[in-house]
N, C-alpha and C. Protein backbone atom coordinates (compact mmCIF):
# COMPACT_ATOMS: atom_id res chain seq x y z
N MET A 1 -15.98 60.79 40.00
CA MET A 1 -15.06 59.81 39.47
C MET A 1 -13.66 60.12 40.02
N HIS A 2 -13.01 59.10 40.53
CA HIS A 2 -11.66 59.25 41.07
C HIS A 2 -10.65 59.29 39.93
N ALA A 3 -9.50 59.89 40.21
CA ALA A 3 -8.46 60.04 39.18
C ALA A 3 -8.00 58.69 38.65
N ILE A 4 -7.86 57.70 39.52
CA ILE A 4 -7.38 56.37 39.08
C ILE A 4 -8.38 55.73 38.11
N GLU A 5 -9.68 55.99 38.33
CA GLU A 5 -10.70 55.46 37.44
C GLU A 5 -10.66 56.17 36.08
N ARG A 6 -10.35 57.44 36.12
CA ARG A 6 -10.37 58.22 34.90
C ARG A 6 -9.09 58.06 34.08
N TYR A 7 -7.95 58.06 34.75
CA TYR A 7 -6.67 58.05 34.04
C TYR A 7 -5.93 56.73 34.11
N GLY A 8 -6.34 55.84 34.99
CA GLY A 8 -5.66 54.56 35.12
C GLY A 8 -4.42 54.69 35.99
N SER A 9 -3.76 53.58 36.16
CA SER A 9 -2.56 53.53 36.99
C SER A 9 -1.36 54.05 36.20
N ARG A 10 -0.45 54.70 36.88
CA ARG A 10 0.79 55.15 36.25
C ARG A 10 1.89 54.10 36.41
N THR A 11 1.53 52.94 36.92
CA THR A 11 2.47 51.83 37.07
C THR A 11 2.34 50.93 35.86
N PRO A 12 3.46 50.59 35.23
CA PRO A 12 3.38 49.71 34.06
C PRO A 12 2.78 48.34 34.41
N SER A 13 1.95 47.83 33.51
CA SER A 13 1.36 46.50 33.69
C SER A 13 2.46 45.45 33.56
N GLU A 14 2.11 44.22 33.86
CA GLU A 14 3.08 43.13 33.75
C GLU A 14 3.62 43.01 32.32
N ARG A 15 2.74 43.11 31.35
CA ARG A 15 3.15 43.01 29.94
C ARG A 15 4.04 44.19 29.55
N GLU A 16 3.66 45.38 30.01
CA GLU A 16 4.48 46.57 29.74
C GLU A 16 5.86 46.43 30.39
N GLN A 17 5.92 45.83 31.55
CA GLN A 17 7.20 45.60 32.21
C GLN A 17 8.08 44.66 31.39
N GLN A 18 7.47 43.67 30.75
CA GLN A 18 8.22 42.78 29.86
C GLN A 18 8.82 43.58 28.71
N VAL A 19 8.01 44.44 28.11
CA VAL A 19 8.47 45.27 27.00
C VAL A 19 9.62 46.17 27.46
N ILE A 20 9.46 46.79 28.62
CA ILE A 20 10.50 47.67 29.16
C ILE A 20 11.81 46.92 29.33
N GLN A 21 11.73 45.74 29.90
CA GLN A 21 12.94 44.95 30.14
C GLN A 21 13.65 44.60 28.83
N LEU A 22 12.89 44.18 27.84
CA LEU A 22 13.48 43.80 26.56
C LEU A 22 14.08 45.00 25.83
N VAL A 23 13.38 46.14 25.87
CA VAL A 23 13.91 47.35 25.25
C VAL A 23 15.19 47.79 25.96
N ALA A 24 15.20 47.70 27.28
CA ALA A 24 16.39 48.08 28.05
C ALA A 24 17.58 47.18 27.74
N GLN A 25 17.30 45.96 27.30
CA GLN A 25 18.37 45.04 26.91
C GLN A 25 18.91 45.35 25.51
N GLY A 26 18.26 46.30 24.82
CA GLY A 26 18.73 46.73 23.51
C GLY A 26 18.03 46.10 22.33
N LEU A 27 16.94 45.35 22.58
CA LEU A 27 16.22 44.73 21.47
C LEU A 27 15.47 45.77 20.66
N LYS A 28 15.37 45.53 19.36
CA LYS A 28 14.59 46.37 18.47
C LYS A 28 13.12 45.98 18.60
N ASN A 29 12.23 46.83 18.10
CA ASN A 29 10.79 46.57 18.23
C ASN A 29 10.39 45.21 17.66
N LYS A 30 10.94 44.86 16.52
CA LYS A 30 10.62 43.57 15.89
C LYS A 30 11.08 42.41 16.78
N GLU A 31 12.26 42.55 17.37
CA GLU A 31 12.79 41.52 18.26
C GLU A 31 11.95 41.39 19.53
N VAL A 32 11.49 42.53 20.06
CA VAL A 32 10.61 42.51 21.23
C VAL A 32 9.31 41.80 20.86
N ALA A 33 8.77 42.14 19.70
CA ALA A 33 7.52 41.52 19.23
C ALA A 33 7.67 40.00 19.13
N ASP A 34 8.75 39.55 18.56
CA ASP A 34 8.99 38.11 18.43
C ASP A 34 9.11 37.46 19.82
N ALA A 35 9.78 38.13 20.74
CA ALA A 35 10.01 37.58 22.07
C ALA A 35 8.72 37.43 22.88
N ILE A 36 7.77 38.35 22.69
CA ILE A 36 6.53 38.28 23.47
C ILE A 36 5.34 37.75 22.66
N GLY A 37 5.60 37.39 21.41
CA GLY A 37 4.56 36.77 20.60
C GLY A 37 3.49 37.71 20.10
N THR A 38 3.90 38.88 19.61
CA THR A 38 2.94 39.83 19.07
C THR A 38 3.55 40.50 17.85
N THR A 39 2.95 41.59 17.40
CA THR A 39 3.45 42.29 16.21
C THR A 39 4.24 43.52 16.61
N GLU A 40 5.03 44.00 15.67
CA GLU A 40 5.81 45.21 15.89
C GLU A 40 4.89 46.41 16.16
N HIS A 41 3.76 46.45 15.48
CA HIS A 41 2.79 47.53 15.69
C HIS A 41 2.30 47.56 17.14
N VAL A 42 2.01 46.40 17.70
CA VAL A 42 1.55 46.32 19.09
C VAL A 42 2.65 46.79 20.04
N VAL A 43 3.89 46.43 19.74
CA VAL A 43 5.01 46.87 20.58
C VAL A 43 5.12 48.39 20.54
N LYS A 44 4.96 49.00 19.37
CA LYS A 44 5.00 50.46 19.26
C LYS A 44 3.90 51.09 20.10
N ASN A 45 2.72 50.47 20.10
CA ASN A 45 1.63 50.98 20.94
C ASN A 45 1.96 50.85 22.42
N TYR A 46 2.53 49.70 22.82
CA TYR A 46 2.96 49.54 24.21
C TYR A 46 3.94 50.64 24.59
N LEU A 47 4.91 50.90 23.73
CA LEU A 47 5.92 51.91 24.03
C LEU A 47 5.29 53.29 24.18
N ARG A 48 4.35 53.62 23.32
CA ARG A 48 3.67 54.92 23.41
C ARG A 48 2.98 55.07 24.77
N VAL A 49 2.29 54.01 25.20
CA VAL A 49 1.58 54.03 26.48
C VAL A 49 2.59 54.11 27.64
N ILE A 50 3.66 53.33 27.54
CA ILE A 50 4.69 53.33 28.58
C ILE A 50 5.32 54.72 28.71
N TYR A 51 5.69 55.32 27.60
CA TYR A 51 6.29 56.66 27.63
C TYR A 51 5.33 57.64 28.30
N ASP A 52 4.07 57.55 27.96
CA ASP A 52 3.07 58.44 28.54
C ASP A 52 2.94 58.22 30.04
N LYS A 53 2.85 56.97 30.46
CA LYS A 53 2.70 56.65 31.88
C LYS A 53 3.88 57.16 32.71
N LEU A 54 5.07 57.00 32.16
CA LEU A 54 6.28 57.30 32.93
C LEU A 54 6.83 58.71 32.67
N GLY A 55 6.23 59.42 31.73
CA GLY A 55 6.69 60.77 31.42
C GLY A 55 8.03 60.78 30.70
N LEU A 56 8.23 59.80 29.84
CA LEU A 56 9.49 59.67 29.10
C LEU A 56 9.26 60.00 27.63
N TRP A 57 10.38 60.21 26.90
CA TRP A 57 10.28 60.59 25.50
C TRP A 57 10.79 59.55 24.53
N ASN A 58 11.70 58.68 24.97
CA ASN A 58 12.30 57.74 24.02
C ASN A 58 12.85 56.51 24.72
N ARG A 59 13.37 55.56 23.94
CA ARG A 59 13.84 54.29 24.49
C ARG A 59 15.11 54.44 25.30
N VAL A 60 15.92 55.47 25.02
CA VAL A 60 17.11 55.70 25.85
C VAL A 60 16.68 56.09 27.26
N GLU A 61 15.75 57.03 27.37
CA GLU A 61 15.23 57.41 28.69
C GLU A 61 14.59 56.20 29.37
N LEU A 62 13.90 55.38 28.60
CA LEU A 62 13.26 54.19 29.16
C LEU A 62 14.30 53.23 29.72
N ALA A 63 15.37 53.01 28.98
CA ALA A 63 16.44 52.11 29.44
C ALA A 63 17.09 52.66 30.71
N LEU A 64 17.31 53.96 30.76
CA LEU A 64 17.89 54.57 31.96
C LEU A 64 16.93 54.46 33.14
N TRP A 65 15.64 54.67 32.89
CA TRP A 65 14.63 54.53 33.94
C TRP A 65 14.64 53.11 34.49
N TYR A 66 14.68 52.13 33.59
CA TYR A 66 14.70 50.72 33.99
C TYR A 66 15.94 50.39 34.81
N GLU A 67 17.10 50.80 34.34
CA GLU A 67 18.35 50.50 35.03
C GLU A 67 18.39 51.15 36.41
N SER A 68 17.87 52.35 36.53
CA SER A 68 17.89 53.03 37.83
C SER A 68 17.02 52.31 38.85
N ARG A 69 15.99 51.63 38.40
CA ARG A 69 15.12 50.90 39.32
C ARG A 69 15.60 49.48 39.54
N ARG A 70 16.26 48.92 38.55
CA ARG A 70 16.75 47.55 38.66
C ARG A 70 17.92 47.46 39.62
N THR A 71 18.82 48.42 39.53
CA THR A 71 20.02 48.37 40.36
C THR A 71 19.82 49.07 41.70
N GLY A 72 18.90 50.02 41.76
CA GLY A 72 18.58 50.68 43.01
C GLY A 72 19.78 51.32 43.69
N PRO A 73 19.82 51.23 45.02
CA PRO A 73 20.85 51.91 45.79
C PRO A 73 22.24 51.29 45.68
N THR A 74 22.37 50.18 45.00
CA THR A 74 23.66 49.51 44.86
C THR A 74 24.69 50.45 44.23
N LEU A 75 24.28 51.24 43.26
CA LEU A 75 25.22 52.15 42.61
C LEU A 75 25.78 53.16 43.60
N LEU A 76 24.94 53.70 44.45
CA LEU A 76 25.38 54.69 45.41
C LEU A 76 26.33 54.10 46.44
N SER A 77 26.08 52.86 46.85
CA SER A 77 26.92 52.25 47.87
C SER A 77 28.32 51.98 47.36
N GLN A 78 28.53 51.93 46.06
CA GLN A 78 29.86 51.71 45.50
C GLN A 78 30.79 52.90 45.78
N TYR A 79 30.21 54.07 45.95
CA TYR A 79 31.04 55.28 46.11
C TYR A 79 31.19 55.70 47.57
N ASN A 80 30.61 54.97 48.48
CA ASN A 80 30.70 55.33 49.92
C ASN A 80 31.82 54.59 50.58
């Protein structure tokens, strides 16, 4: 059995990416749930899986992870 079959992808799914984006915007779990049409419990489960996939501990780290990928090298070019 290959590792990808056993452990799955470490890349967030499309739905998980939606959750990441909303959390990075500062929404609370209930607000994220309302925005994607699910329950707060499901959002908490998404976050648990996302943290595990990305090796993160909390929503602050998640927001920083999201921002670093969203803005990319643009931040560095400002200082050159």
